[in-house]
N, C-alpha and C. Protein backbone atom coordinates (compact mmCIF):
# COMPACT_ATOMS: atom_id res chain seq x y z
N MET A 1 -4.12 83.07 318.10
CA MET A 1 -5.30 82.98 317.46
C MET A 1 -4.79 81.04 317.11
N PRO A 2 -6.46 80.72 317.90
CA PRO A 2 -6.41 78.80 318.06
C PRO A 2 -6.10 78.57 316.44
N LYS A 3 -5.06 77.15 316.67
CA LYS A 3 -5.22 76.31 315.50
C LYS A 3 -6.48 75.32 314.89
N PRO A 4 -7.02 75.88 313.80
CA PRO A 4 -8.04 75.42 312.87
C PRO A 4 -7.81 73.47 313.58
N ILE A 5 -8.59 73.00 313.54
CA ILE A 5 -8.86 71.60 313.42
C ILE A 5 -8.62 71.08 312.19
N THR A 6 -7.79 70.04 311.60
CA THR A 6 -7.58 69.11 310.15
C THR A 6 -8.18 68.21 310.03
N ASP A 7 -7.87 67.50 311.71
CA ASP A 7 -8.37 65.40 311.27
C ASP A 7 -8.33 65.26 312.92
N LEU A 8 -9.76 65.48 312.69
CA LEU A 8 -10.82 65.53 314.20
C LEU A 8 -10.45 63.72 314.04
N PRO A 9 -10.14 62.43 315.47
CA PRO A 9 -10.95 61.38 315.36
C PRO A 9 -11.90 61.50 315.00
N PRO A 10 -11.84 59.83 314.69
CA PRO A 10 -13.32 59.66 314.46
C PRO A 10 -14.63 59.41 315.34
N SER A 11 -14.01 59.47 316.69
CA SER A 11 -15.44 60.07 317.55
C SER A 11 -15.53 61.51 317.96
N GLU A 12 -14.52 62.12 317.04
CA GLU A 12 -15.08 63.98 317.05
C GLU A 12 -15.57 64.01 315.51
N SER A 13 -15.95 63.05 314.29
CA SER A 13 -16.45 63.22 313.48
C SER A 13 -17.86 64.13 313.48
N SER A 14 -18.53 63.86 312.54
CA SER A 14 -19.96 64.81 312.54
C SER A 14 -20.50 63.98 313.05
N THR A 15 -20.67 62.72 313.33
CA THR A 15 -21.63 61.65 313.70
C THR A 15 -21.04 61.84 315.42
N GLY A 16 -19.87 62.37 316.09
CA GLY A 16 -19.58 62.22 317.56
C GLY A 16 -20.21 63.33 318.66
N LYS A 17 -19.55 63.68 318.77
CA LYS A 17 -19.66 64.74 319.98
C LYS A 17 -19.67 65.89 319.38
N ARG A 18 -19.70 66.67 317.98
CA ARG A 18 -19.41 67.78 317.27
C ARG A 18 -20.66 67.60 316.25
N SER A 19 -21.58 66.57 316.15
CA SER A 19 -22.29 66.76 315.13
C SER A 19 -23.60 67.62 315.68
N PHE A 20 -24.65 68.38 315.11
CA PHE A 20 -25.67 69.45 315.29
C PHE A 20 -26.51 69.13 316.39
N SER A 21 -26.35 67.72 316.63
CA SER A 21 -27.60 67.52 318.02
C SER A 21 -26.99 67.25 318.77
N ALA A 22 -25.48 66.56 319.08
CA ALA A 22 -24.62 67.04 320.51
C ALA A 22 -24.19 68.49 320.82
N ARG A 23 -24.15 69.84 319.61
CA ARG A 23 -23.34 70.77 320.37
C ARG A 23 -24.98 72.08 320.88
N TRP A 24 -25.99 71.74 319.90
CA TRP A 24 -27.42 72.30 320.33
C TRP A 24 -28.28 71.64 320.64
N LEU A 25 -28.66 70.14 320.70
CA LEU A 25 -29.40 69.52 321.35
C LEU A 25 -31.01 70.09 320.92
N HIS A 26 -30.68 70.72 319.38
CA HIS A 26 -32.15 70.51 319.09
C HIS A 26 -32.19 70.15 317.21
N PRO A 27 -32.17 69.65 317.14
CA PRO A 27 -31.59 69.31 315.88
C PRO A 27 -32.54 69.45 314.44
N GLU A 28 -33.67 69.54 315.15
CA GLU A 28 -34.76 70.11 314.07
C GLU A 28 -34.32 71.81 313.66
N LEU A 29 -33.84 72.32 314.20
CA LEU A 29 -33.59 73.78 313.93
C LEU A 29 -33.25 73.80 312.41
N PHE A 30 -32.29 73.11 312.43
CA PHE A 30 -31.29 73.17 310.96
C PHE A 30 -31.82 72.30 309.70
N ASP A 31 -33.67 71.44 309.86
CA ASP A 31 -34.49 70.94 308.80
C ASP A 31 -34.13 71.87 307.95
N LYS A 32 -34.50 73.39 307.67
CA LYS A 32 -34.88 74.10 306.46
C LYS A 32 -33.08 74.34 306.27
N GLY A 33 -32.13 73.74 306.97
CA GLY A 33 -30.59 74.49 306.20
C GLY A 33 -29.98 75.50 307.26
N PHE A 34 -29.13 75.19 306.80
CA PHE A 34 -28.08 76.42 308.11
C PHE A 34 -27.02 77.11 306.92
N LEU A 35 -25.94 78.13 307.60
CA LEU A 35 -25.28 79.24 307.24
C LEU A 35 -23.44 78.78 307.26
N VAL A 36 -22.96 78.82 306.29
CA VAL A 36 -21.71 78.19 306.22
C VAL A 36 -20.87 79.65 306.48
N THR A 37 -20.55 79.87 307.14
CA THR A 37 -19.84 81.54 307.05
C THR A 37 -18.35 81.00 307.92
N PRO A 38 -17.38 81.34 307.44
CA PRO A 38 -16.35 81.97 307.27
C PRO A 38 -15.88 82.79 309.24
N THR A 39 -15.42 82.00 309.87
CA THR A 39 -14.94 82.25 311.38
C THR A 39 -14.28 83.99 311.27
N VAL A 40 -13.12 84.09 310.04
CA VAL A 40 -12.92 85.66 309.47
C VAL A 40 -13.68 86.41 309.60
N PHE A 41 -14.49 85.92 309.02
CA PHE A 41 -15.98 87.50 308.76
C PHE A 41 -16.13 87.45 310.05
N LEU A 42 -16.98 86.33 311.03
CA LEU A 42 -17.17 86.94 312.51
C LEU A 42 -16.36 87.41 313.15
N GLN A 43 -14.78 87.20 312.92
CA GLN A 43 -13.78 87.96 313.39
C GLN A 43 -13.37 89.27 313.16
N LYS A 44 -13.11 89.39 311.70
CA LYS A 44 -12.27 90.70 311.83
C LYS A 44 -13.50 92.28 311.04
N TYR A 45 -15.40 91.40 310.76
CA TYR A 45 -15.69 91.94 309.73
C TYR A 45 -15.65 93.64 310.41
N SER A 46 -15.81 94.18 312.31
CA SER A 46 -15.68 95.21 312.57
C SER A 46 -14.14 95.69 312.47
N GLN A 47 -13.37 95.31 311.75
CA GLN A 47 -11.75 95.80 312.21
C GLN A 47 -11.31 95.90 310.29
N LEU A 48 -12.34 96.05 309.67
CA LEU A 48 -11.51 96.19 308.31
C LEU A 48 -11.24 97.22 308.02
N LYS A 49 -10.01 97.33 307.46
CA LYS A 49 -9.65 98.65 306.91
C LYS A 49 -10.05 98.90 304.99
N PRO A 50 -9.84 100.16 304.63
CA PRO A 50 -10.09 101.50 305.78
C PRO A 50 -11.44 101.52 306.44
N TYR A 51 -12.73 100.06 306.32
CA TYR A 51 -14.12 100.96 306.47
C TYR A 51 -14.59 99.70 307.15
N PRO A 52 -14.47 100.18 308.35
CA PRO A 52 -14.86 98.20 309.12
C PRO A 52 -16.82 98.46 308.43
N LEU A 53 -17.24 96.81 308.56
CA LEU A 53 -18.73 96.70 308.63
C LEU A 53 -19.61 96.95 310.05
N THR A 54 -20.44 97.64 309.74
CA THR A 54 -21.34 97.86 310.88
C THR A 54 -21.67 96.44 311.51
N ALA A 55 -22.51 96.36 312.65
CA ALA A 55 -22.92 95.01 313.44
C ALA A 55 -24.50 94.56 312.31
N THR A 56 -25.12 95.99 311.76
CA THR A 56 -26.06 95.60 310.97
C THR A 56 -25.75 95.09 309.45
N GLU A 57 -24.82 95.99 308.53
CA GLU A 57 -24.05 95.87 307.93
C GLU A 57 -23.50 94.16 307.60
N ALA A 58 -23.05 93.25 308.85
CA ALA A 58 -22.47 92.26 308.55
C ALA A 58 -24.09 91.68 308.82
N LEU A 59 -24.53 91.68 309.20
CA LEU A 59 -25.98 91.05 309.61
C LEU A 59 -26.85 90.88 308.25
N PHE A 60 -26.84 91.73 307.04
CA PHE A 60 -27.18 91.65 305.92
C PHE A 60 -26.23 91.07 305.23
N VAL A 61 -25.03 90.99 304.94
CA VAL A 61 -23.89 90.16 304.69
C VAL A 61 -24.45 88.60 304.63
N LEU A 62 -24.49 88.60 306.33
CA LEU A 62 -25.04 87.16 306.30
C LEU A 62 -26.10 86.47 305.41
N HIS A 63 -27.37 87.31 305.53
CA HIS A 63 -28.57 87.11 305.02
C HIS A 63 -28.09 86.94 303.47
N LEU A 64 -27.24 87.46 302.69
CA LEU A 64 -26.81 87.46 301.46
C LEU A 64 -26.25 86.14 301.66
N MET A 65 -25.69 86.51 302.36
CA MET A 65 -24.90 84.72 302.15
C MET A 65 -25.74 83.25 302.21
N GLU A 66 -26.77 83.45 302.93
CA GLU A 66 -27.76 82.12 303.06
C GLU A 66 -28.75 81.77 301.54
N PHE A 67 -27.94 82.99 300.43
CA PHE A 67 -28.62 82.62 299.20
C PHE A 67 -27.79 82.48 298.66
N LYS A 68 -26.54 82.35 298.35
CA LYS A 68 -25.19 81.85 298.00
C LYS A 68 -24.80 80.31 297.68
N TRP A 69 -25.71 80.18 296.89
CA TRP A 69 -25.76 78.51 297.29
C TRP A 69 -24.70 77.81 296.01
N ASP A 70 -24.52 78.70 295.58
CA ASP A 70 -23.20 77.73 294.44
C ASP A 70 -22.56 78.88 294.03
N ALA A 71 -21.73 78.63 293.17
CA ALA A 71 -21.05 79.60 292.42
C ALA A 71 -21.64 80.99 291.74
N THR A 72 -22.61 80.96 291.35
CA THR A 72 -23.39 82.14 290.79
C THR A 72 -23.44 83.18 292.46
N HIS A 73 -23.98 84.53 291.96
CA HIS A 73 -23.59 85.63 293.02
C HIS A 73 -25.68 85.21 293.59
N PRO A 74 -25.41 85.67 294.47
CA PRO A 74 -27.36 85.24 295.31
C PRO A 74 -27.55 86.85 294.70
N PHE A 75 -29.18 86.27 294.29
CA PHE A 75 -29.82 87.59 294.48
C PHE A 75 -31.14 87.34 294.80
N PRO A 76 -31.67 87.61 296.28
CA PRO A 76 -32.79 88.11 296.96
C PRO A 76 -32.71 89.22 296.93
N GLY A 77 -34.18 89.59 296.86
CA GLY A 77 -35.13 90.79 296.59
C GLY A 77 -34.70 91.47 297.84
N TYR A 78 -34.77 92.88 298.01
CA TYR A 78 -34.63 94.26 298.88
C TYR A 78 -36.17 93.46 299.75
N LYS A 79 -36.55 93.50 299.87
CA LYS A 79 -38.11 92.70 299.93
C LYS A 79 -38.26 91.70 301.27
N THR A 80 -37.41 91.02 300.72
CA THR A 80 -36.92 89.58 301.30
C THR A 80 -36.18 90.01 302.23
N LEU A 81 -35.14 90.58 301.63
CA LEU A 81 -34.02 90.85 303.27
C LEU A 81 -34.19 91.43 303.87
N ALA A 82 -35.09 92.78 304.11
CA ALA A 82 -35.74 93.93 305.06
C ALA A 82 -36.91 92.90 305.45
N GLN A 83 -37.64 91.92 305.60
CA GLN A 83 -38.35 91.39 306.42
C GLN A 83 -37.52 90.26 306.75
N ARG A 84 -36.62 89.83 306.99
CA ARG A 84 -35.61 88.90 307.70
C ARG A 84 -35.01 89.60 308.89
N MET A 85 -35.11 91.02 308.17
CA MET A 85 -33.96 91.04 309.25
C MET A 85 -34.49 92.28 310.22
N GLY A 86 -35.76 92.43 309.78
CA GLY A 86 -37.15 93.51 310.73
C GLY A 86 -36.22 94.11 310.43
N VAL A 87 -36.15 95.14 309.02
CA VAL A 87 -35.99 96.71 308.80
C VAL A 87 -37.25 97.05 307.73
N SER A 88 -36.94 97.82 306.67
CA SER A 88 -37.96 98.24 305.80
C SER A 88 -36.76 98.13 304.97
N ASP A 89 -37.68 97.79 303.77
CA ASP A 89 -37.01 97.87 302.02
C ASP A 89 -35.88 99.09 301.86
N LYS A 90 -36.39 100.39 301.82
CA LYS A 90 -35.40 101.51 302.22
C LYS A 90 -33.77 100.92 303.00
N MET A 91 -34.00 100.70 304.07
CA MET A 91 -32.80 100.00 305.11
C MET A 91 -31.96 99.02 304.81
N ALA A 92 -32.98 98.09 304.07
CA ALA A 92 -32.10 97.26 303.15
C ALA A 92 -31.39 97.63 302.03
N ARG A 93 -31.94 98.23 301.24
CA ARG A 93 -31.06 99.39 299.92
C ARG A 93 -30.21 100.08 300.89
N ARG A 94 -30.30 100.54 301.57
CA ARG A 94 -29.05 101.26 302.38
C ARG A 94 -27.65 100.46 303.16
N HIS A 95 -28.33 99.55 303.74
CA HIS A 95 -27.28 98.92 303.85
C HIS A 95 -26.37 98.37 302.92
N ALA A 96 -27.15 97.79 301.62
CA ALA A 96 -26.03 97.85 300.46
C ALA A 96 -25.98 98.39 299.42
N GLN A 97 -25.66 99.59 299.38
CA GLN A 97 -25.57 100.92 298.84
C GLN A 97 -24.09 101.49 299.91
N SER A 98 -24.70 101.02 301.44
CA SER A 98 -23.39 101.57 302.22
C SER A 98 -22.33 100.58 301.98
N LEU A 99 -22.06 99.20 301.87
CA LEU A 99 -21.93 98.38 301.92
C LEU A 99 -20.57 98.54 299.91
N GLU A 100 -21.71 99.11 299.04
CA GLU A 100 -20.74 98.96 298.36
C GLU A 100 -20.13 100.41 297.85
N SER A 101 -20.62 101.62 298.23
CA SER A 101 -19.27 102.54 299.05
C SER A 101 -18.24 102.10 299.58
N LYS A 102 -18.23 101.63 300.43
CA LYS A 102 -16.91 100.98 300.97
C LYS A 102 -16.28 100.09 299.94
N GLY A 103 -17.26 99.25 299.92
CA GLY A 103 -16.08 98.87 298.42
C GLY A 103 -16.16 97.46 298.71
N TYR A 104 -17.65 96.81 299.46
CA TYR A 104 -16.98 95.36 299.67
C TYR A 104 -17.90 94.70 298.83
N LEU A 105 -18.88 95.79 298.20
CA LEU A 105 -20.15 94.47 297.50
C LEU A 105 -19.78 95.01 296.57
N ARG A 106 -20.41 94.40 295.14
CA ARG A 106 -21.06 94.54 293.78
C ARG A 106 -22.11 94.38 293.77
N ARG A 107 -23.04 95.51 293.03
CA ARG A 107 -24.34 95.15 292.83
C ARG A 107 -24.51 95.10 290.80
N GLU A 108 -24.97 93.83 290.57
CA GLU A 108 -25.10 93.98 289.17
C GLU A 108 -27.38 94.54 289.62
N ILE A 109 -27.63 95.57 288.60
CA ILE A 109 -28.94 96.07 288.10
C ILE A 109 -29.15 95.17 287.33
N ARG A 110 -30.31 94.49 287.67
CA ARG A 110 -31.49 93.76 286.54
C ARG A 110 -32.44 94.22 286.31
N SER A 111 -32.78 94.92 285.08
CA SER A 111 -34.16 95.04 284.57
C SER A 111 -35.05 94.14 285.34
N GLY A 112 -36.41 94.39 285.77
CA GLY A 112 -37.34 93.32 285.76
C GLY A 112 -37.30 92.24 287.18
N GLN A 113 -36.37 92.16 287.27
CA GLN A 113 -35.16 91.06 288.00
C GLN A 113 -34.67 91.48 289.64
N THR A 114 -34.09 91.06 290.64
CA THR A 114 -33.56 91.40 291.57
C THR A 114 -32.52 90.60 291.59
N ASN A 115 -31.72 91.96 291.67
CA ASN A 115 -30.02 92.02 291.49
C ASN A 115 -29.29 91.45 291.91
N ARG A 116 -28.13 91.02 291.56
CA ARG A 116 -26.95 90.02 292.40
C ARG A 116 -25.97 90.91 292.53
N PHE A 117 -25.92 90.23 293.69
CA PHE A 117 -24.69 90.88 295.37
C PHE A 117 -23.54 89.71 294.64
N ASP A 118 -22.78 90.68 294.35
CA ASP A 118 -21.12 89.90 294.39
C ASP A 118 -20.43 90.60 295.36
N LEU A 119 -20.12 89.67 296.63
CA LEU A 119 -19.91 89.78 298.06
C LEU A 119 -17.91 89.30 297.77
N LYS A 120 -17.58 88.60 296.44
CA LYS A 120 -16.03 88.77 295.82
C LYS A 120 -15.24 90.01 296.78
N PRO A 121 -15.83 91.07 296.63
CA PRO A 121 -14.58 91.88 297.36
C PRO A 121 -14.59 92.12 298.55
N LEU A 122 -15.37 91.87 299.19
CA LEU A 122 -15.85 91.61 301.08
C LEU A 122 -14.60 90.43 301.13
N PHE A 123 -14.82 89.22 300.96
CA PHE A 123 -13.80 87.88 300.48
C PHE A 123 -12.39 88.51 300.53
N ASP A 124 -12.03 89.71 299.95
CA ASP A 124 -10.77 90.00 299.22
C ASP A 124 -10.83 90.54 300.63
N ALA A 125 -11.23 91.22 301.12
CA ALA A 125 -10.86 92.33 302.67
C ALA A 125 -10.16 91.63 303.42
N LEU A 126 -11.55 90.49 303.30
CA LEU A 126 -11.12 89.40 304.61
C LEU A 126 -9.88 88.87 304.53
N LEU A 127 -9.61 88.27 303.56
CA LEU A 127 -8.13 87.48 302.83
C LEU A 127 -7.04 88.42 303.25
N ARG A 128 -6.95 89.93 302.54
CA ARG A 128 -6.01 90.66 302.89
C ARG A 128 -5.49 91.11 304.56
N SER A 129 -7.25 91.20 304.81
CA SER A 129 -6.95 91.46 306.85
C SER A 129 -6.37 90.56 307.14
N MET A 130 -6.42 88.93 306.83
CA MET A 130 -6.05 88.37 307.49
C MET A 130 -4.05 88.28 307.01
N ASP A 131 -3.71 88.25 305.99
CA ASP A 131 -2.28 88.41 305.58
C ASP A 131 -1.27 89.63 306.39
N ASN A 132 -2.03 90.35 306.71
CA ASN A 132 -1.45 91.99 307.55
C ASN A 132 -1.41 91.54 309.34
N SER A 133 -2.25 90.46 309.99
CA SER A 133 -2.09 90.03 310.72
C SER A 133 -1.54 89.14 311.15
N THR A 134 -1.52 88.04 310.11
CA THR A 134 -0.31 86.88 310.26
C THR A 134 1.14 88.31 310.42
N ARG A 135 1.68 89.08 309.34
CA ARG A 135 2.81 90.16 309.43
C ARG A 135 2.50 90.72 310.48
N SER A 136 1.49 91.08 311.40
CA SER A 136 1.87 91.44 312.63
C SER A 136 1.92 91.21 313.32
N THR A 137 2.48 89.90 313.60
CA THR A 137 2.83 89.10 314.99
C THR A 137 4.04 88.86 314.53
């Protein structure tokens, strides 16, 4: 596993070669925001023990993460998630139910409001997977 870069020289900072526009050539694509995702999520979601995530479950999580603006749990509606994923509302609910049954998501059902989605169990599992991979190397 490559060692993370911690201190970049000034020429490599966000204003240099590593800026969005230098990397992607279309900075306007980021005008509506961007998603900060731990790389370990992308590397490990399909290898989690005892229950790996499917690619569509991982996509569901990424969409939930888009709504994680602060320390509170995100609370997008299933209809919004479904539209963004290109699936039915029922399928979006199934993804949430599946993640919940695997122990990676806790849903707070709220009457008259959208659910809150707690992703802490998933990130706890990712942290454990990192610990396990460093012990096995």
